[in-house]
Every structure is written in C-alpha cells, then in structure tokens.
Amino acid sequence: MSTQTKKLFEKIDLWPRERQAIAVDFLRRLDRGTGVYVPGVQELRALDRGIAQAMRGSFATPASVSTAWKAFGK
C-alpha cells in the first residue's frame, strides 16, 4: 500500500460512519470492476438546480468563486 493511501485511510478512520459506508461501497465497486459512480437523490437535485441556473444565465460572480476557493484552501 502506498504512503498516500495509508495517510488517506488514517483520515477516513476519523470520518462519520455514514461517510465511511459510502467510501466502502465505492471501493468495493472499484474492486469488482464496477466502479461507476451513481449520484444520490440529493446530488441529482443539486445538479438539476445548477443546470436550471445555467439555463437562466445565472452564474457565479468572480468574487463568489474567489470566496469559495478560499474556503476550500485553494
């Protein structure tokens, strides 16, 4: 196992159980060769909202994008 993978698994150990279950499911799919991601209902709704906003021409301002990047440490 790579050092990078070991470090990631150490972080995963601190995640809430629900998030760990999602990770386990995804890794099992990868292991079986069926690692196709299927978004959940909430994610599909968020995608629908984003598409609707784009269709209306409603996009993020440069200032809001900059704020978001700062929040994620970029």
N, C-alpha and C. Protein backbone atom coordinates (compact mmCIF):
# COMPACT_ATOMS: atom_id res chain seq x y z
N MET A 1 0.85 -1.18 0.00
CA MET A 1 0.00 0.00 0.00
C MET A 1 0.90 1.23 0.00
N SER A 2 0.54 2.21 -0.81
CA SER A 2 1.35 3.42 -0.91
C SER A 2 1.20 4.28 0.35
N THR A 3 2.19 5.12 0.57
CA THR A 3 2.15 6.05 1.70
C THR A 3 0.93 6.96 1.60
N GLN A 4 0.63 7.40 0.39
CA GLN A 4 -0.52 8.26 0.17
C GLN A 4 -1.82 7.56 0.56
N THR A 5 -1.94 6.30 0.20
CA THR A 5 -3.13 5.53 0.53
C THR A 5 -3.24 5.34 2.04
N LYS A 6 -2.13 5.03 2.68
CA LYS A 6 -2.13 4.85 4.14
C LYS A 6 -2.58 6.13 4.85
N LYS A 7 -2.08 7.27 4.39
CA LYS A 7 -2.46 8.55 5.01
C LYS A 7 -3.95 8.82 4.83
N LEU A 8 -4.46 8.49 3.65
CA LEU A 8 -5.88 8.69 3.39
C LEU A 8 -6.73 7.80 4.29
N PHE A 9 -6.34 6.56 4.46
CA PHE A 9 -7.10 5.65 5.32
C PHE A 9 -7.07 6.11 6.78
N GLU A 10 -5.99 6.74 7.20
CA GLU A 10 -5.94 7.30 8.55
C GLU A 10 -6.98 8.41 8.71
N LYS A 11 -7.15 9.22 7.67
CA LYS A 11 -8.16 10.29 7.71
C LYS A 11 -9.56 9.70 7.69
N ILE A 12 -9.75 8.68 6.86
CA ILE A 12 -11.07 8.05 6.73
C ILE A 12 -11.52 7.50 8.07
N ASP A 13 -10.59 7.02 8.87
CA ASP A 13 -10.91 6.47 10.18
C ASP A 13 -11.60 7.51 11.08
N LEU A 14 -11.38 8.78 10.80
CA LEU A 14 -11.97 9.86 11.59
C LEU A 14 -13.33 10.34 11.04
N TRP A 15 -13.68 9.87 9.86
CA TRP A 15 -14.96 10.28 9.25
C TRP A 15 -16.14 9.70 10.01
N PRO A 16 -17.31 10.34 9.87
CA PRO A 16 -18.54 9.75 10.43
C PRO A 16 -18.82 8.41 9.75
N ARG A 17 -19.47 7.50 10.47
CA ARG A 17 -19.74 6.15 9.96
C ARG A 17 -20.47 6.16 8.62
N GLU A 18 -21.41 7.09 8.46
CA GLU A 18 -22.17 7.15 7.20
C GLU A 18 -21.26 7.41 6.01
N ARG A 19 -20.33 8.34 6.18
CA ARG A 19 -19.39 8.65 5.10
C ARG A 19 -18.45 7.48 4.85
N GLN A 20 -18.05 6.78 5.91
CA GLN A 20 -17.20 5.61 5.75
C GLN A 20 -17.94 4.53 4.95
N ALA A 21 -19.23 4.38 5.21
CA ALA A 21 -20.02 3.37 4.49
C ALA A 21 -20.07 3.68 2.99
N ILE A 22 -20.17 4.95 2.66
CA ILE A 22 -20.18 5.37 1.26
C ILE A 22 -18.84 5.03 0.62
N ALA A 23 -17.75 5.31 1.34
CA ALA A 23 -16.41 5.02 0.82
C ALA A 23 -16.22 3.52 0.62
N VAL A 24 -16.68 2.72 1.57
CA VAL A 24 -16.55 1.27 1.46
C VAL A 24 -17.31 0.76 0.24
N ASP A 25 -18.53 1.26 0.05
CA ASP A 25 -19.33 0.84 -1.10
C ASP A 25 -18.61 1.17 -2.41
N PHE A 26 -18.07 2.37 -2.50
CA PHE A 26 -17.37 2.78 -3.71
C PHE A 26 -16.12 1.92 -3.95
N LEU A 27 -15.35 1.68 -2.89
CA LEU A 27 -14.14 0.86 -3.03
C LEU A 27 -14.47 -0.57 -3.43
N ARG A 28 -15.56 -1.11 -2.90
CA ARG A 28 -15.98 -2.46 -3.30
C ARG A 28 -16.34 -2.51 -4.78
N ARG A 29 -17.00 -1.46 -5.26
CA ARG A 29 -17.35 -1.39 -6.68
C ARG A 29 -16.08 -1.34 -7.53
N LEU A 30 -15.11 -0.54 -7.11
CA LEU A 30 -13.85 -0.48 -7.83
C LEU A 30 -13.17 -1.84 -7.85
N ASP A 31 -13.19 -2.52 -6.71
CA ASP A 31 -12.56 -3.82 -6.61
C ASP A 31 -13.22 -4.84 -7.54
N ARG A 32 -14.53 -4.74 -7.70
CA ARG A 32 -15.26 -5.65 -8.60
C ARG A 32 -15.16 -5.21 -10.05
N GLY A 33 -14.59 -4.04 -10.28
CA GLY A 33 -14.50 -3.54 -11.65
C GLY A 33 -15.76 -2.85 -12.11
N THR A 34 -16.63 -2.52 -11.15
CA THR A 34 -17.89 -1.83 -11.48
C THR A 34 -17.93 -0.48 -10.80
N GLY A 35 -16.80 0.21 -10.76
CA GLY A 35 -16.68 1.46 -10.03
C GLY A 35 -17.35 2.65 -10.69
N VAL A 36 -18.50 2.44 -11.27
CA VAL A 36 -19.24 3.54 -11.87
C VAL A 36 -19.98 4.28 -10.75
N TYR A 37 -19.76 5.58 -10.65
CA TYR A 37 -20.40 6.36 -9.61
C TYR A 37 -21.83 6.68 -10.01
N VAL A 38 -22.76 6.44 -9.10
CA VAL A 38 -24.16 6.77 -9.33
C VAL A 38 -24.54 7.81 -8.27
N PRO A 39 -24.85 9.04 -8.71
CA PRO A 39 -25.18 10.07 -7.74
C PRO A 39 -26.49 9.76 -7.00
N GLY A 40 -26.56 10.23 -5.76
CA GLY A 40 -27.76 10.05 -4.95
C GLY A 40 -28.81 11.09 -5.30
N VAL A 41 -29.96 10.98 -4.65
CA VAL A 41 -31.09 11.86 -4.91
C VAL A 41 -30.71 13.32 -4.65
N GLN A 42 -30.05 13.59 -3.53
CA GLN A 42 -29.66 14.97 -3.21
C GLN A 42 -28.71 15.53 -4.25
N GLU A 43 -27.77 14.72 -4.70
CA GLU A 43 -26.82 15.19 -5.71
C GLU A 43 -27.52 15.45 -7.04
N LEU A 44 -28.46 14.59 -7.40
CA LEU A 44 -29.21 14.81 -8.64
C LEU A 44 -30.03 16.10 -8.56
N ARG A 45 -30.62 16.36 -7.41
CA ARG A 45 -31.38 17.61 -7.24
C ARG A 45 -30.46 18.83 -7.36
N ALA A 46 -29.27 18.72 -6.77
CA ALA A 46 -28.30 19.82 -6.85
C ALA A 46 -27.87 20.05 -8.30
N LEU A 47 -27.67 18.96 -9.03
CA LEU A 47 -27.32 19.09 -10.45
C LEU A 47 -28.46 19.74 -11.23
N ASP A 48 -29.69 19.34 -10.95
CA ASP A 48 -30.85 19.94 -11.62
C ASP A 48 -30.92 21.44 -11.34
N ARG A 49 -30.66 21.83 -10.07
CA ARG A 49 -30.68 23.26 -9.73
C ARG A 49 -29.59 24.01 -10.50
N GLY A 50 -28.41 23.43 -10.55
CA GLY A 50 -27.30 24.06 -11.27
C GLY A 50 -27.58 24.21 -12.75
N ILE A 51 -28.16 23.18 -13.35
CA ILE A 51 -28.49 23.25 -14.78
C ILE A 51 -29.56 24.31 -15.02
N ALA A 52 -30.56 24.37 -14.14
CA ALA A 52 -31.62 25.38 -14.29
C ALA A 52 -31.03 26.78 -14.18
N GLN A 53 -30.11 26.98 -13.24
CA GLN A 53 -29.47 28.29 -13.09
C GLN A 53 -28.68 28.65 -14.34
N ALA A 54 -27.95 27.69 -14.87
CA ALA A 54 -27.17 27.94 -16.08
C ALA A 54 -28.08 28.27 -17.27
N MET A 55 -29.20 27.58 -17.36
CA MET A 55 -30.14 27.84 -18.46
C MET A 55 -30.72 29.26 -18.36
N ARG A 56 -30.83 29.76 -17.13
CA ARG A 56 -31.32 31.14 -16.93
C ARG A 56 -30.19 32.16 -17.10
N GLY A 57 -28.97 31.68 -17.26
CA GLY A 57 -27.83 32.57 -17.40
C GLY A 57 -27.31 33.07 -16.07
N SER A 58 -27.66 32.38 -15.00
CA SER A 58 -27.26 32.77 -13.65
C SER A 58 -25.99 32.02 -13.28
N PHE A 59 -24.87 32.74 -13.28
CA PHE A 59 -23.58 32.12 -12.98
C PHE A 59 -22.94 32.80 -11.77
N ALA A 60 -21.99 32.13 -11.16
CA ALA A 60 -21.28 32.68 -10.01
C ALA A 60 -20.45 33.88 -10.44
N THR A 61 -20.40 34.86 -9.57
CA THR A 61 -19.56 36.03 -9.82
C THR A 61 -18.11 35.67 -9.50
N PRO A 62 -17.16 36.39 -10.10
CA PRO A 62 -15.75 36.14 -9.76
C PRO A 62 -15.49 36.25 -8.25
N ALA A 63 -16.17 37.19 -7.59
CA ALA A 63 -15.97 37.36 -6.14
C ALA A 63 -16.45 36.13 -5.37
N SER A 64 -17.61 35.56 -5.77
CA SER A 64 -18.11 34.39 -5.05
C SER A 64 -17.25 33.16 -5.32
N VAL A 65 -16.70 33.06 -6.51
CA VAL A 65 -15.80 31.94 -6.82
C VAL A 65 -14.53 32.06 -5.99
N SER A 66 -14.00 33.27 -5.88
CA SER A 66 -12.80 33.50 -5.09
C SER A 66 -13.05 33.14 -3.62
N THR A 67 -14.21 33.52 -3.09
CA THR A 67 -14.56 33.20 -1.71
C THR A 67 -14.65 31.70 -1.51
N ALA A 68 -15.25 31.01 -2.48
CA ALA A 68 -15.37 29.56 -2.37
C ALA A 68 -14.00 28.89 -2.37
N TRP A 69 -13.10 29.34 -3.26
CA TRP A 69 -11.76 28.76 -3.30
C TRP A 69 -11.04 28.98 -1.98
N LYS A 70 -11.19 30.15 -1.41
CA LYS A 70 -10.54 30.43 -0.12
C LYS A 70 -11.07 29.51 0.96
N ALA A 71 -12.39 29.24 0.93
CA ALA A 71 -12.99 28.37 1.94
C ALA A 71 -12.45 26.95 1.86
N PHE A 72 -12.05 26.53 0.65
CA PHE A 72 -11.52 25.19 0.45
C PHE A 72 -10.00 25.16 0.45
N GLY A 73 -9.38 26.28 0.84
CA GLY A 73 -7.94 26.32 0.96
C GLY A 73 -7.16 26.34 -0.34
N LYS A 74 -7.78 26.86 -1.38
CA LYS A 74 -7.10 26.94 -2.67
C LYS A 74 -6.57 28.33 -2.91
